[in-house]
Amino acid sequence: MKFKIILGLLFLTISIGVNAQQTAQQSPTPKNDDSKSANTTITTYVRPDKKTRQKRYLKSLFSLTGFARTVASSGFNTALNKPEEWGGTWEGFGRRVGSGLGKNAIKQTTIYALDESFKLDSKFYRSQKRDFGSKMKNALISPFTARTPEGKRVIGFPRIVGTYTASIIAAEVWYPKRYTYLDGLKAGTFSLGMNAAFNVVKELFKK
């Protein structure tokens, strides 16, 4: 029953994303001189080529920055002994690191597969406008949006599906038995929120 519920939720999310993508493709492309298109289209956007997208995917799996983040998060959760069934020892730390790497692999692979299938780009790009409001808006909506080959922003269902899929699978497959898909949904929501927070840091502090 739980597995059917998970599949139903994922299918619903993908269906919403597909419908949104089809609507966006059917909508007429606004003219470049239309000031109203500024919020949905990035005129300087150029879709990365296939080789660049593949390198970006591999980097999302094996980058030192991502590994360091997983290690730091695992150390923090080991200190808090969360989940407590894994213990606060080096063995528990290792399980948390493995869990984090597994979740990231599922998340990034799902995002990459959906991006390639629907010709979308879920990568975060800093705002072209450098005023505070524009930077904050871009940072906060980026986890929930993606770009078409023309640079138009649409619902970013690849990242949404990838994030929730990884968290739900982890909760149902290798987390302690008391965890369910509901815990996965909570973890996925938290992950998207943290994604937005990291984007804010990139917008405000990176040159």
C-alpha atoms as a PDB file:
ATOM      1  CA  MET A   1       0.000   0.000   0.000  1.00  0.00           C
ATOM      2  CA  LYS A   2       2.781   2.443   0.929  1.00  0.00           C
ATOM      3  CA  PHE A   3       4.578   1.686  -2.336  1.00  0.00           C
ATOM      4  CA  LYS A   4       1.410   2.399  -4.318  1.00  0.00           C
ATOM      5  CA  ILE A   5       0.960   5.713  -2.499  1.00  0.00           C
ATOM      6  CA  ILE A   6       4.563   6.700  -3.293  1.00  0.00           C
ATOM      7  CA  LEU A   7       4.142   5.837  -6.965  1.00  0.00           C
ATOM      8  CA  GLY A   8       0.867   7.755  -7.047  1.00  0.00           C
ATOM      9  CA  LEU A   9       2.443  10.878  -5.573  1.00  0.00           C
ATOM     10  CA  LEU A  10       5.396  10.764  -7.957  1.00  0.00           C
ATOM     11  CA  PHE A  11       3.155  10.119 -10.962  1.00  0.00           C
ATOM     12  CA  LEU A  12       0.942  13.056 -10.002  1.00  0.00           C
ATOM     13  CA  THR A  13       3.931  15.375  -9.640  1.00  0.00           C
ATOM     14  CA  ILE A  14       5.378  14.322 -12.994  1.00  0.00           C
ATOM     15  CA  SER A  15       1.978  14.710 -14.678  1.00  0.00           C
ATOM     16  CA  ILE A  16       1.656  18.269 -13.365  1.00  0.00           C
ATOM     17  CA  GLY A  17       5.124  19.044 -14.623  1.00  0.00           C
ATOM     18  CA  VAL A  18       4.465  17.557 -18.068  1.00  0.00           C
ATOM     19  CA  ASN A  19       1.241  19.551 -18.432  1.00  0.00           C
ATOM     20  CA  ALA A  20       3.012  22.727 -17.388  1.00  0.00           C
ATOM     21  CA  GLN A  21       5.804  22.061 -19.866  1.00  0.00           C
ATOM     22  CA  GLN A  22       3.347  21.430 -22.706  1.00  0.00           C
ATOM     23  CA  THR A  23       1.488  24.645 -21.869  1.00  0.00           C
ATOM     24  CA  ALA A  24       4.713  26.615 -21.897  1.00  0.00           C
ATOM     25  CA  GLN A  25       5.703  25.177 -25.269  1.00  0.00           C
ATOM     26  CA  GLN A  26       2.311  26.009 -26.764  1.00  0.00           C
ATOM     27  CA  SER A  27       2.378  29.598 -25.507  1.00  0.00           C
ATOM     28  CA  PRO A  28       3.586  32.200 -28.012  1.00  0.00           C
ATOM     29  CA  THR A  29       7.135  33.411 -27.394  1.00  0.00           C
ATOM     30  CA  PRO A  30       7.091  37.028 -26.207  1.00  0.00           C
ATOM     31  CA  LYS A  31       9.020  39.642 -28.127  1.00  0.00           C
ATOM     32  CA  ASN A  32      12.374  40.713 -26.763  1.00  0.00           C
ATOM     33  CA  ASP A  33      11.222  44.309 -26.411  1.00  0.00           C
ATOM     34  CA  ASP A  34       8.253  43.393 -24.261  1.00  0.00           C
ATOM     35  CA  SER A  35       9.080  44.556 -20.737  1.00  0.00           C
ATOM     36  CA  LYS A  36       6.579  42.085 -19.251  1.00  0.00           C
ATOM     37  CA  SER A  37       8.718  39.158 -20.394  1.00  0.00           C
ATOM     38  CA  ALA A  38      11.591  40.124 -18.127  1.00  0.00           C
ATOM     39  CA  ASN A  39      10.400  37.920 -15.261  1.00  0.00           C
ATOM     40  CA  THR A  40      10.039  34.757 -17.346  1.00  0.00           C
ATOM     41  CA  THR A  41      12.777  34.992 -19.958  1.00  0.00           C
ATOM     42  CA  ILE A  42      16.513  35.493 -19.606  1.00  0.00           C
ATOM     43  CA  THR A  43      17.672  37.053 -22.871  1.00  0.00           C
ATOM     44  CA  THR A  44      21.334  36.108 -22.222  1.00  0.00           C
ATOM     45  CA  TYR A  45      20.588  32.441 -21.451  1.00  0.00           C
ATOM     46  CA  VAL A  46      22.238  29.853 -23.690  1.00  0.00           C
ATOM     47  CA  ARG A  47      21.418  26.196 -23.084  1.00  0.00           C
ATOM     48  CA  PRO A  48      24.596  24.228 -22.265  1.00  0.00           C
ATOM     49  CA  ASP A  49      25.571  21.596 -24.833  1.00  0.00           C
ATOM     50  CA  LYS A  50      25.224  17.878 -24.134  1.00  0.00           C
ATOM     51  CA  LYS A  51      28.838  17.396 -23.058  1.00  0.00           C
ATOM     52  CA  THR A  52      28.620  20.284 -20.594  1.00  0.00           C
ATOM     53  CA  ARG A  53      25.383  18.918 -19.147  1.00  0.00           C
ATOM     54  CA  GLN A  54      26.954  15.474 -18.685  1.00  0.00           C
ATOM     55  CA  LYS A  55      29.987  16.964 -16.925  1.00  0.00           C
ATOM     56  CA  ARG A  56      27.691  18.971 -14.683  1.00  0.00           C
ATOM     57  CA  TYR A  57      25.793  15.811 -13.762  1.00  0.00           C
ATOM     58  CA  LEU A  58      28.981  13.914 -12.910  1.00  0.00           C
ATOM     59  CA  LYS A  59      30.197  16.860 -10.853  1.00  0.00           C
ATOM     60  CA  SER A  60      26.942  16.827  -8.882  1.00  0.00           C
ATOM     61  CA  LEU A  61      27.728  13.210  -7.932  1.00  0.00           C
ATOM     62  CA  PHE A  62      31.448  13.357  -7.226  1.00  0.00           C
ATOM     63  CA  SER A  63      32.438  16.939  -6.395  1.00  0.00           C
ATOM     64  CA  LEU A  64      34.571  17.530  -3.307  1.00  0.00           C
ATOM     65  CA  THR A  65      32.218  20.328  -2.243  1.00  0.00           C
ATOM     66  CA  GLY A  66      29.216  18.009  -2.296  1.00  0.00           C
ATOM     67  CA  PHE A  67      31.124  15.294  -0.433  1.00  0.00           C
ATOM     68  CA  ALA A  68      32.295  17.775   2.200  1.00  0.00           C
ATOM     69  CA  ARG A  69      28.713  18.945   2.676  1.00  0.00           C
ATOM     70  CA  THR A  70      27.571  15.336   3.160  1.00  0.00           C
ATOM     71  CA  VAL A  71      30.343  14.661   5.665  1.00  0.00           C
ATOM     72  CA  ALA A  72      29.539  17.838   7.606  1.00  0.00           C
ATOM     73  CA  SER A  73      25.816  17.023   7.687  1.00  0.00           C
ATOM     74  CA  SER A  74      26.559  13.440   8.755  1.00  0.00           C
ATOM     75  CA  GLY A  75      28.835  14.651  11.532  1.00  0.00           C
ATOM     76  CA  PHE A  76      26.159  17.025  12.781  1.00  0.00           C
ATOM     77  CA  ASN A  77      23.498  14.296  12.780  1.00  0.00           C
ATOM     78  CA  THR A  78      25.909  11.878  14.476  1.00  0.00           C
ATOM     79  CA  ALA A  79      26.452  14.398  17.246  1.00  0.00           C
ATOM     80  CA  LEU A  80      22.671  14.665  17.632  1.00  0.00           C
ATOM     81  CA  ASN A  81      22.338  10.885  17.167  1.00  0.00           C
ATOM     82  CA  LYS A  82      19.680  11.211  14.465  1.00  0.00           C
ATOM     83  CA  PRO A  83      18.343   8.691  13.746  1.00  0.00           C
ATOM     84  CA  GLU A  84      19.129   7.214  17.136  1.00  0.00           C
ATOM     85  CA  GLU A  85      19.018   3.628  15.840  1.00  0.00           C
ATOM     86  CA  TRP A  86      22.282   4.266  13.979  1.00  0.00           C
ATOM     87  CA  GLY A  87      24.095   5.347  17.120  1.00  0.00           C
ATOM     88  CA  GLY A  88      26.607   8.084  17.789  1.00  0.00           C
ATOM     89  CA  THR A  89      29.700   6.050  16.898  1.00  0.00           C
ATOM     90  CA  TRP A  90      31.984   6.011  13.870  1.00  0.00           C
ATOM     91  CA  GLU A  91      29.854   3.214  12.476  1.00  0.00           C
ATOM     92  CA  GLY A  92      26.788   5.414  12.737  1.00  0.00           C
ATOM     93  CA  PHE A  93      28.682   8.253  11.115  1.00  0.00           C
ATOM     94  CA  GLY A  94      29.614   5.970   8.213  1.00  0.00           C
ATOM     95  CA  ARG A  95      25.987   4.920   7.745  1.00  0.00           C
ATOM     96  CA  ARG A  96      24.919   8.547   7.635  1.00  0.00           C
ATOM     97  CA  VAL A  97      27.575   9.395   5.072  1.00  0.00           C
ATOM     98  CA  GLY A  98      26.486   6.436   2.937  1.00  0.00           C
ATOM     99  CA  SER A  99      22.863   7.498   3.287  1.00  0.00           C
ATOM    100  CA  GLY A 100      23.671  11.040   2.233  1.00  0.00           C
ATOM    101  CA  LEU A 101      25.624   9.891  -0.797  1.00  0.00           C
ATOM    102  CA  GLY A 102      22.847   7.509  -1.783  1.00  0.00           C
ATOM    103  CA  LYS A 103      20.173  10.172  -1.519  1.00  0.00           C
ATOM    104  CA  ASN A 104      22.261  12.590  -3.552  1.00  0.00           C
ATOM    105  CA  ALA A 105      22.849   9.976  -6.276  1.00  0.00           C
ATOM    106  CA  ILE A 106      19.108   9.288  -6.586  1.00  0.00           C
ATOM    107  CA  LYS A 107      18.260  12.988  -6.531  1.00  0.00           C
ATOM    108  CA  GLN A 108      20.827  14.095  -9.101  1.00  0.00           C
ATOM    109  CA  THR A 109      20.178  11.155 -11.430  1.00  0.00           C
ATOM    110  CA  THR A 110      16.434  11.791 -11.380  1.00  0.00           C
ATOM    111  CA  ILE A 111      16.915  15.511 -12.053  1.00  0.00           C
ATOM    112  CA  TYR A 112      19.337  14.829 -14.893  1.00  0.00           C
ATOM    113  CA  ALA A 113      17.094  12.195 -16.498  1.00  0.00           C
ATOM    114  CA  LEU A 114      14.006  14.419 -16.393  1.00  0.00           C
ATOM    115  CA  ASP A 115      15.920  17.478 -17.570  1.00  0.00           C
ATOM    116  CA  GLU A 116      17.230  15.556 -20.571  1.00  0.00           C
ATOM    117  CA  SER A 117      13.854  13.969 -21.330  1.00  0.00           C
ATOM    118  CA  PHE A 118      11.935  17.249 -21.287  1.00  0.00           C
ATOM    119  CA  LYS A 119      14.730  19.549 -22.514  1.00  0.00           C
ATOM    120  CA  LEU A 120      14.809  21.554 -19.303  1.00  0.00           C
ATOM    121  CA  ASP A 121      17.623  23.081 -17.272  1.00  0.00           C
ATOM    122  CA  SER A 122      17.227  22.940 -13.485  1.00  0.00           C
ATOM    123  CA  LYS A 123      20.594  24.513 -12.697  1.00  0.00           C
ATOM    124  CA  PHE A 124      20.651  27.602 -10.493  1.00  0.00           C
ATOM    125  CA  TYR A 125      21.690  30.779 -12.310  1.00  0.00           C
ATOM    126  CA  ARG A 126      22.276  34.016 -10.472  1.00  0.00           C
ATOM    127  CA  SER A 127      19.929  36.896 -11.201  1.00  0.00           C
ATOM    128  CA  GLN A 128      20.858  39.164 -14.105  1.00  0.00           C
ATOM    129  CA  LYS A 129      19.471  42.054 -12.063  1.00  0.00           C
ATOM    130  CA  ARG A 130      21.692  42.951  -9.129  1.00  0.00           C
ATOM    131  CA  ASP A 131      19.225  44.792  -6.894  1.00  0.00           C
ATOM    132  CA  PHE A 132      18.409  43.068  -3.586  1.00  0.00           C
ATOM    133  CA  GLY A 133      14.761  42.273  -4.393  1.00  0.00           C
ATOM    134  CA  SER A 134      15.553  40.624  -7.709  1.00  0.00           C
ATOM    135  CA  LYS A 135      18.355  38.557  -6.202  1.00  0.00           C
ATOM    136  CA  MET A 136      16.155  37.334  -3.348  1.00  0.00           C
ATOM    137  CA  LYS A 137      13.279  36.489  -5.667  1.00  0.00           C
ATOM    138  CA  ASN A 138      15.550  34.557  -8.002  1.00  0.00           C
ATOM    139  CA  ALA A 139      17.137  32.633  -5.130  1.00  0.00           C
ATOM    140  CA  LEU A 140      13.826  31.629  -3.559  1.00  0.00           C
ATOM    141  CA  ILE A 141      11.985  30.530  -6.720  1.00  0.00           C
ATOM    142  CA  SER A 142      14.922  28.762  -8.402  1.00  0.00           C
ATOM    143  CA  PRO A 143      14.426  25.417  -6.561  1.00  0.00           C
ATOM    144  CA  PHE A 144      10.903  25.286  -8.000  1.00  0.00           C
ATOM    145  CA  THR A 145      11.598  26.464 -11.556  1.00  0.00           C
ATOM    146  CA  ALA A 146      13.582  25.345 -14.588  1.00  0.00           C
ATOM    147  CA  ARG A 147      14.433  26.869 -17.948  1.00  0.00           C
ATOM    148  CA  THR A 148      13.385  25.836 -21.422  1.00  0.00           C
ATOM    149  CA  PRO A 149      15.958  25.929 -24.272  1.00  0.00           C
ATOM    150  CA  GLU A 150      14.750  29.492 -24.984  1.00  0.00           C
ATOM    151  CA  GLY A 151      15.405  30.560 -21.396  1.00  0.00           C
ATOM    152  CA  LYS A 152      11.761  30.773 -20.326  1.00  0.00           C
ATOM    153  CA  ARG A 153      11.073  29.821 -16.721  1.00  0.00           C
ATOM    154  CA  VAL A 154       8.573  27.010 -16.132  1.00  0.00           C
ATOM    155  CA  ILE A 155       7.655  24.761 -13.208  1.00  0.00           C
ATOM    156  CA  GLY A 156      10.852  22.950 -12.209  1.00  0.00           C
ATOM    157  CA  PHE A 157       9.369  19.521 -11.681  1.00  0.00           C
ATOM    158  CA  PRO A 158      12.681  17.655 -12.283  1.00  0.00           C
ATOM    159  CA  ARG A 159      14.237  19.066  -9.100  1.00  0.00           C
ATOM    160  CA  ILE A 160      10.985  18.726  -7.136  1.00  0.00           C
ATOM    161  CA  VAL A 161      10.514  15.095  -8.185  1.00  0.00           C
ATOM    162  CA  GLY A 162      14.201  14.283  -7.696  1.00  0.00           C
ATOM    163  CA  THR A 163      14.304  15.763  -4.206  1.00  0.00           C
ATOM    164  CA  TYR A 164      11.162  14.025  -2.967  1.00  0.00           C
ATOM    165  CA  THR A 165      12.025  10.723  -4.679  1.00  0.00           C
ATOM    166  CA  ALA A 166      15.413  10.547  -2.952  1.00  0.00           C
ATOM    167  CA  SER A 167      13.980  11.373   0.473  1.00  0.00           C
ATOM    168  CA  ILE A 168      11.049   8.972   0.185  1.00  0.00           C
ATOM    169  CA  ILE A 169      13.179   6.077  -1.063  1.00  0.00           C
ATOM    170  CA  ALA A 170      15.666   6.628   1.768  1.00  0.00           C
ATOM    171  CA  ALA A 171      12.886   6.671   4.374  1.00  0.00           C
ATOM    172  CA  GLU A 172      11.263   3.528   2.994  1.00  0.00           C
ATOM    173  CA  VAL A 173      14.343   1.483   2.084  1.00  0.00           C
ATOM    174  CA  TRP A 174      17.290   2.025   4.425  1.00  0.00           C
ATOM    175  CA  TYR A 175      16.136   4.246   7.283  1.00  0.00           C
ATOM    176  CA  PRO A 176      14.910   2.569  10.506  1.00  0.00           C
ATOM    177  CA  LYS A 177      11.512   0.895  10.257  1.00  0.00           C
ATOM    178  CA  ARG A 178       9.692   3.629  12.155  1.00  0.00           C
ATOM    179  CA  TYR A 179      10.312   5.992   9.206  1.00  0.00           C
ATOM    180  CA  THR A 180       7.664   6.198   6.468  1.00  0.00           C
ATOM    181  CA  TYR A 181       7.087   8.052   3.223  1.00  0.00           C
ATOM    182  CA  LEU A 182       5.636  10.907   5.318  1.00  0.00           C
ATOM    183  CA  ASP A 183       9.062  11.417   6.865  1.00  0.00           C
ATOM    184  CA  GLY A 184      10.444  11.380   3.344  1.00  0.00           C
ATOM    185  CA  LEU A 185       8.027  14.116   2.307  1.00  0.00           C
ATOM    186  CA  LYS A 186       9.068  16.219   5.293  1.00  0.00           C
ATOM    187  CA  ALA A 187      12.759  15.674   4.522  1.00  0.00           C
ATOM    188  CA  GLY A 188      12.190  16.567   0.857  1.00  0.00           C
ATOM    189  CA  THR A 189      10.445  19.805   1.791  1.00  0.00           C
ATOM    190  CA  PHE A 190      13.268  20.681   4.167  1.00  0.00           C
ATOM    191  CA  SER A 191      15.815  19.916   1.444  1.00  0.00           C
ATOM    192  CA  LEU A 192      14.112  22.267  -1.015  1.00  0.00           C
ATOM    193  CA  GLY A 193      14.070  24.962   1.660  1.00  0.00           C
ATOM    194  CA  MET A 194      17.786  24.497   2.291  1.00  0.00           C
ATOM    195  CA  ASN A 195      18.350  24.654  -1.446  1.00  0.00           C
ATOM    196  CA  ALA A 196      16.687  28.074  -1.499  1.00  0.00           C
ATOM    197  CA  ALA A 197      18.810  29.181   1.481  1.00  0.00           C
ATOM    198  CA  PHE A 198      22.040  28.176  -0.290  1.00  0.00           C
ATOM    199  CA  ASN A 199      20.866  30.108  -3.345  1.00  0.00           C
ATOM    200  CA  VAL A 200      20.417  33.224  -1.213  1.00  0.00           C
ATOM    201  CA  VAL A 201      24.016  32.878  -0.021  1.00  0.00           C
ATOM    202  CA  LYS A 202      25.234  32.536  -3.618  1.00  0.00           C
ATOM    203  CA  GLU A 203      23.254  35.590  -4.687  1.00  0.00           C
ATOM    204  CA  LEU A 204      24.352  37.828  -1.829  1.00  0.00           C
ATOM    205  CA  PHE A 205      27.960  36.812  -1.223  1.00  0.00           C
ATOM    206  CA  LYS A 206      29.397  35.493  -4.486  1.00  0.00           C
ATOM    207  CA  LYS A 207      30.905  38.012  -6.880  1.00  0.00           C
END
